[in-house]
Amino acid sequence: MIITVWKMHKKLAPKMPGISFHREEERDGVKVKLPKRYKDAQNDIRELRENCFVMRAAQLFNRMPSDVRQCTAIESMKIELGKFLATIPDYSLVRGYSKHQDNSLIKSVSECK
């Protein structure tokens, strides 16, 4: 997902509806502008929307360090992304052990920052 959004930003992949890029502050680099959330929508509609590709991809891309988002070449981006992901602990479920925490990359990245 992260690489796909990066490619969209660099115009190496077609842009999906709902994904637009903006720069809030120079030091933060480019981020995806998250689509507006509808608080009045039914719970199941809200949940579907929160779990769709556009929302998940945007959240992941925005949580990446700026040096990952600002890479100019795909190979350097993949290297920087790999370095960053190597710092994220993996709490995969193992049979016979209790669940430590949610293994969501979005949550893990937020906790590491």
N, C-alpha and C. Protein backbone atom coordinates (compact mmCIF):
# COMPACT_ATOMS: atom_id res chain seq x y z
N MET A 1 0.82 -1.19 0.00
CA MET A 1 0.00 0.00 0.00
C MET A 1 0.86 1.26 0.00
N ILE A 2 1.90 1.26 0.83
CA ILE A 2 2.75 2.44 0.96
C ILE A 2 3.45 2.73 -0.37
N ILE A 3 3.97 1.70 -1.00
CA ILE A 3 4.67 1.88 -2.27
C ILE A 3 3.70 2.35 -3.35
N THR A 4 2.49 1.82 -3.34
CA THR A 4 1.49 2.22 -4.32
C THR A 4 1.16 3.70 -4.19
N VAL A 5 0.96 4.17 -2.97
CA VAL A 5 0.64 5.59 -2.75
C VAL A 5 1.84 6.46 -3.15
N TRP A 6 3.05 6.02 -2.82
CA TRP A 6 4.24 6.77 -3.20
C TRP A 6 4.31 6.88 -4.73
N LYS A 7 4.01 5.77 -5.42
CA LYS A 7 4.02 5.79 -6.89
C LYS A 7 2.96 6.75 -7.43
N MET A 8 1.80 6.80 -6.78
CA MET A 8 0.76 7.75 -7.21
C MET A 8 1.27 9.17 -7.08
N HIS A 9 1.93 9.45 -5.96
CA HIS A 9 2.47 10.80 -5.74
C HIS A 9 3.51 11.16 -6.79
N LYS A 10 4.33 10.21 -7.19
CA LYS A 10 5.39 10.46 -8.18
C LYS A 10 4.88 10.28 -9.62
N LYS A 11 3.57 10.05 -9.76
CA LYS A 11 2.93 9.86 -11.07
C LYS A 11 3.49 8.65 -11.83
N LEU A 12 3.86 7.63 -11.07
CA LEU A 12 4.31 6.37 -11.66
C LEU A 12 3.18 5.35 -11.68
N ALA A 13 2.06 5.69 -11.07
CA ALA A 13 0.87 4.83 -11.04
C ALA A 13 -0.35 5.74 -11.14
N PRO A 14 -1.44 5.25 -11.70
CA PRO A 14 -2.64 6.08 -11.80
C PRO A 14 -3.16 6.45 -10.41
N LYS A 15 -3.60 7.68 -10.29
CA LYS A 15 -4.13 8.15 -9.01
C LYS A 15 -5.54 7.62 -8.82
N MET A 16 -5.83 7.19 -7.59
CA MET A 16 -7.16 6.67 -7.27
C MET A 16 -8.06 7.81 -6.81
N PRO A 17 -9.35 7.71 -7.09
CA PRO A 17 -10.29 8.71 -6.56
C PRO A 17 -10.21 8.72 -5.03
N GLY A 18 -10.20 9.90 -4.46
CA GLY A 18 -10.15 10.03 -3.00
C GLY A 18 -8.76 10.26 -2.46
N ILE A 19 -7.74 10.12 -3.31
CA ILE A 19 -6.37 10.37 -2.85
C ILE A 19 -5.86 11.65 -3.47
N SER A 20 -5.54 12.61 -2.62
CA SER A 20 -4.90 13.85 -3.07
C SER A 20 -3.77 14.17 -2.11
N PHE A 21 -2.76 14.82 -2.62
CA PHE A 21 -1.56 15.10 -1.84
C PHE A 21 -1.48 16.57 -1.48
N HIS A 22 -0.91 16.85 -0.32
CA HIS A 22 -0.71 18.23 0.11
C HIS A 22 0.52 18.30 1.00
N ARG A 23 0.98 19.49 1.22
CA ARG A 23 2.15 19.72 2.07
C ARG A 23 1.72 20.71 3.16
N GLU A 24 1.61 20.22 4.41
CA GLU A 24 1.21 21.10 5.52
C GLU A 24 2.37 21.99 5.92
N GLU A 25 3.49 21.38 6.22
CA GLU A 25 4.69 22.11 6.61
C GLU A 25 5.86 21.53 5.85
N GLU A 26 6.83 22.37 5.54
CA GLU A 26 7.98 21.93 4.75
C GLU A 26 8.70 20.75 5.39
N ARG A 27 8.86 20.77 6.70
CA ARG A 27 9.61 19.72 7.38
C ARG A 27 8.88 18.38 7.39
N ASP A 28 7.55 18.41 7.26
CA ASP A 28 6.76 17.18 7.27
C ASP A 28 6.71 16.50 5.90
N GLY A 29 6.97 17.25 4.86
CA GLY A 29 6.90 16.69 3.52
C GLY A 29 5.47 16.49 3.05
N VAL A 30 5.34 15.76 1.97
CA VAL A 30 4.04 15.51 1.35
C VAL A 30 3.27 14.47 2.14
N LYS A 31 1.98 14.71 2.27
CA LYS A 31 1.08 13.74 2.91
C LYS A 31 -0.17 13.60 2.06
N VAL A 32 -0.92 12.54 2.33
CA VAL A 32 -2.19 12.34 1.65
C VAL A 32 -3.26 13.06 2.46
N LYS A 33 -4.07 13.81 1.76
CA LYS A 33 -5.19 14.47 2.43
C LYS A 33 -6.29 13.43 2.60
N LEU A 34 -6.60 13.13 3.86
CA LEU A 34 -7.62 12.12 4.13
C LEU A 34 -9.00 12.64 3.75
N PRO A 35 -9.80 11.78 3.10
CA PRO A 35 -11.17 12.19 2.76
C PRO A 35 -11.97 12.52 4.02
N LYS A 36 -12.95 13.37 3.85
CA LYS A 36 -13.80 13.79 4.96
C LYS A 36 -14.51 12.58 5.57
N ARG A 37 -14.58 12.57 6.90
CA ARG A 37 -15.29 11.49 7.60
C ARG A 37 -16.72 11.92 7.88
N TYR A 38 -17.62 10.98 7.70
CA TYR A 38 -19.04 11.26 7.93
C TYR A 38 -19.45 10.67 9.27
N LYS A 39 -19.55 11.53 10.27
CA LYS A 39 -19.85 11.09 11.63
C LYS A 39 -21.28 10.60 11.77
N ASP A 40 -22.16 11.07 10.90
CA ASP A 40 -23.57 10.70 11.00
C ASP A 40 -23.90 9.40 10.27
N ALA A 41 -22.94 8.81 9.60
CA ALA A 41 -23.20 7.56 8.86
C ALA A 41 -23.40 6.41 9.84
N GLN A 42 -24.09 5.38 9.36
CA GLN A 42 -24.30 4.20 10.19
C GLN A 42 -22.96 3.55 10.50
N ASN A 43 -22.91 2.83 11.62
CA ASN A 43 -21.65 2.22 12.07
C ASN A 43 -21.04 1.29 11.02
N ASP A 44 -21.86 0.46 10.38
CA ASP A 44 -21.29 -0.47 9.42
C ASP A 44 -20.75 0.26 8.18
N ILE A 45 -21.38 1.34 7.78
CA ILE A 45 -20.90 2.15 6.65
C ILE A 45 -19.59 2.83 7.04
N ARG A 46 -19.55 3.38 8.24
CA ARG A 46 -18.32 4.03 8.73
C ARG A 46 -17.17 3.03 8.80
N GLU A 47 -17.46 1.82 9.29
CA GLU A 47 -16.43 0.79 9.41
C GLU A 47 -15.91 0.36 8.04
N LEU A 48 -16.82 0.19 7.07
CA LEU A 48 -16.40 -0.15 5.71
C LEU A 48 -15.48 0.93 5.14
N ARG A 49 -15.85 2.16 5.35
CA ARG A 49 -15.07 3.28 4.83
C ARG A 49 -13.70 3.35 5.49
N GLU A 50 -13.64 3.16 6.79
CA GLU A 50 -12.36 3.22 7.52
C GLU A 50 -11.42 2.09 7.11
N ASN A 51 -11.97 0.98 6.64
CA ASN A 51 -11.16 -0.17 6.26
C ASN A 51 -10.91 -0.27 4.76
N CYS A 52 -11.37 0.70 3.97
CA CYS A 52 -11.16 0.65 2.53
C CYS A 52 -9.71 0.98 2.19
N PHE A 53 -9.29 0.61 1.00
CA PHE A 53 -7.91 0.79 0.57
C PHE A 53 -7.47 2.24 0.69
N VAL A 54 -8.29 3.17 0.22
CA VAL A 54 -7.90 4.59 0.21
C VAL A 54 -7.58 5.08 1.62
N MET A 55 -8.44 4.76 2.59
CA MET A 55 -8.21 5.23 3.96
C MET A 55 -7.00 4.56 4.58
N ARG A 56 -6.89 3.25 4.46
CA ARG A 56 -5.75 2.53 5.06
C ARG A 56 -4.44 2.96 4.42
N ALA A 57 -4.42 3.05 3.10
CA ALA A 57 -3.20 3.43 2.40
C ALA A 57 -2.78 4.85 2.78
N ALA A 58 -3.75 5.76 2.86
CA ALA A 58 -3.45 7.15 3.24
C ALA A 58 -2.90 7.21 4.67
N GLN A 59 -3.51 6.49 5.59
CA GLN A 59 -3.05 6.49 6.98
C GLN A 59 -1.63 5.94 7.09
N LEU A 60 -1.35 4.84 6.39
CA LEU A 60 -0.01 4.26 6.41
C LEU A 60 1.02 5.21 5.81
N PHE A 61 0.71 5.77 4.65
CA PHE A 61 1.64 6.68 3.98
C PHE A 61 1.94 7.88 4.87
N ASN A 62 0.91 8.44 5.49
CA ASN A 62 1.10 9.62 6.33
C ASN A 62 1.91 9.32 7.59
N ARG A 63 1.91 8.09 8.05
CA ARG A 63 2.66 7.74 9.26
C ARG A 63 4.12 7.39 8.98
N MET A 64 4.48 7.29 7.71
CA MET A 64 5.87 7.02 7.37
C MET A 64 6.71 8.27 7.65
N PRO A 65 7.98 8.07 8.02
CA PRO A 65 8.85 9.22 8.22
C PRO A 65 8.99 10.02 6.92
N SER A 66 9.26 11.30 7.03
CA SER A 66 9.34 12.13 5.83
C SER A 66 10.45 11.68 4.88
N ASP A 67 11.53 11.09 5.42
CA ASP A 67 12.60 10.65 4.51
C ASP A 67 12.14 9.49 3.63
N VAL A 68 11.14 8.73 4.05
CA VAL A 68 10.57 7.68 3.20
C VAL A 68 9.66 8.33 2.16
N ARG A 69 8.81 9.24 2.59
CA ARG A 69 7.85 9.88 1.68
C ARG A 69 8.53 10.79 0.66
N GLN A 70 9.68 11.34 1.00
CA GLN A 70 10.33 12.32 0.12
C GLN A 70 11.36 11.72 -0.83
N CYS A 71 11.55 10.42 -0.80
CA CYS A 71 12.51 9.80 -1.73
C CYS A 71 12.12 10.12 -3.16
N THR A 72 13.14 10.24 -4.01
CA THR A 72 12.86 10.59 -5.41
C THR A 72 12.92 9.39 -6.35
N ALA A 73 13.53 8.30 -5.92
CA ALA A 73 13.63 7.11 -6.77
C ALA A 73 13.02 5.91 -6.04
N ILE A 74 12.43 5.02 -6.81
CA ILE A 74 11.73 3.87 -6.22
C ILE A 74 12.68 2.99 -5.42
N GLU A 75 13.88 2.76 -5.91
CA GLU A 75 14.81 1.89 -5.19
C GLU A 75 15.23 2.49 -3.85
N SER A 76 15.50 3.79 -3.82
CA SER A 76 15.87 4.43 -2.55
C SER A 76 14.68 4.45 -1.60
N MET A 77 13.49 4.61 -2.14
CA MET A 77 12.28 4.59 -1.30
C MET A 77 12.12 3.21 -0.65
N LYS A 78 12.31 2.17 -1.43
CA LYS A 78 12.18 0.81 -0.90
C LYS A 78 13.22 0.53 0.19
N ILE A 79 14.43 1.03 -0.01
CA ILE A 79 15.49 0.84 0.99
C ILE A 79 15.12 1.57 2.29
N GLU A 80 14.71 2.83 2.17
CA GLU A 80 14.33 3.62 3.35
C GLU A 80 13.12 3.01 4.06
N LEU A 81 12.15 2.54 3.27
CA LEU A 81 10.97 1.90 3.84
C LEU A 81 11.37 0.63 4.58
N GLY A 82 12.24 -0.16 3.99
CA GLY A 82 12.72 -1.39 4.65
C GLY A 82 13.42 -1.09 5.96
N LYS A 83 14.27 -0.07 5.98
CA LYS A 83 14.97 0.32 7.21
C LYS A 83 13.96 0.71 8.29
N PHE A 84 12.96 1.49 7.90
CA PHE A 84 11.97 1.94 8.87
C PHE A 84 11.14 0.77 9.39
N LEU A 85 10.67 -0.08 8.49
CA LEU A 85 9.83 -1.21 8.91
C LEU A 85 10.59 -2.19 9.79
N ALA A 86 11.90 -2.26 9.63
CA ALA A 86 12.72 -3.15 10.46
C ALA A 86 12.71 -2.70 11.93
N THR A 87 12.37 -1.45 12.17
CA THR A 87 12.33 -0.94 13.55
C THR A 87 10.99 -1.19 14.24
N ILE A 88 10.01 -1.65 13.49
CA ILE A 88 8.66 -1.88 14.04
C ILE A 88 8.58 -3.30 14.58
N PRO A 89 8.24 -3.47 15.86
CA PRO A 89 8.12 -4.83 16.41
C PRO A 89 6.94 -5.58 15.78
N ASP A 90 7.13 -6.86 15.57
CA ASP A 90 6.09 -7.71 15.01
C ASP A 90 5.49 -8.57 16.11
N TYR A 91 4.23 -8.37 16.37
CA TYR A 91 3.54 -9.12 17.42
C TYR A 91 2.59 -10.14 16.79
N SER A 92 3.11 -10.96 15.92
CA SER A 92 2.29 -11.98 15.27
C SER A 92 1.73 -12.95 16.30
N LEU A 93 0.57 -13.46 16.02
CA LEU A 93 -0.03 -14.44 16.92
C LEU A 93 0.67 -15.78 16.76
N VAL A 94 0.98 -16.38 17.86
CA VAL A 94 1.61 -17.70 17.88
C VAL A 94 0.69 -18.62 18.66
N ARG A 95 0.39 -19.77 18.09
CA ARG A 95 -0.51 -20.71 18.73
C ARG A 95 0.00 -21.05 20.14
N GLY A 96 -0.89 -20.99 21.11
CA GLY A 96 -0.53 -21.32 22.48
C GLY A 96 -0.15 -20.11 23.32
N TYR A 97 0.01 -18.94 22.69
CA TYR A 97 0.36 -17.73 23.42
C TYR A 97 -0.81 -16.75 23.35
N SER A 98 -0.95 -15.97 24.40
CA SER A 98 -2.05 -15.00 24.40
C SER A 98 -1.70 -13.83 23.48
N LYS A 99 -2.72 -13.15 23.03
CA LYS A 99 -2.56 -12.02 22.14
C LYS A 99 -1.91 -10.87 22.90
N HIS A 100 -0.76 -10.40 22.43
CA HIS A 100 -0.05 -9.31 23.10
C HIS A 100 -0.73 -7.98 22.82
N GLN A 101 -0.99 -7.70 21.56
CA GLN A 101 -1.65 -6.47 21.16
C GLN A 101 -2.09 -6.61 19.72
N ASP A 102 -2.76 -5.58 19.23
CA ASP A 102 -3.17 -5.55 17.84
C ASP A 102 -1.91 -5.52 16.97
N ASN A 103 -1.86 -6.33 15.94
CA ASN A 103 -0.69 -6.40 15.07
C ASN A 103 -0.84 -5.49 13.86
N SER A 104 -1.69 -4.49 13.96
CA SER A 104 -1.90 -3.55 12.86
C SER A 104 -0.67 -2.68 12.67
N LEU A 105 -0.20 -2.56 11.44
CA LEU A 105 0.95 -1.72 11.16
C LEU A 105 0.64 -0.26 11.46
N ILE A 106 -0.58 0.17 11.20
CA ILE A 106 -0.97 1.55 11.48
C ILE A 106 -0.80 1.85 12.97
N LYS A 107 -1.27 0.97 13.82
CA LYS A 107 -1.14 1.18 15.27
C LYS A 107 0.30 1.03 15.73
N SER A 108 1.02 0.06 15.19
CA SER A 108 2.41 -0.14 15.58
C SER A 108 3.28 1.07 15.23
N VAL A 109 3.06 1.65 14.06
CA VAL A 109 3.83 2.81 13.66
C VAL A 109 3.50 4.00 14.57
N SER A 110 2.23 4.16 14.90
CA SER A 110 1.84 5.25 15.79
C SER A 110 2.47 5.13 17.16
N GLU A 111 2.58 3.90 17.66
CA GLU A 111 3.16 3.67 18.99
C GLU A 111 4.66 3.88 19.00
N CYS A 112 5.31 3.68 17.87
CA CYS A 112 6.78 3.82 17.80
C CYS A 112 7.21 5.27 17.66
N LYS A 113 6.32 6.13 17.25
CA LYS A 113 6.69 7.55 17.06
C LYS A 113 6.71 8.28 18.37
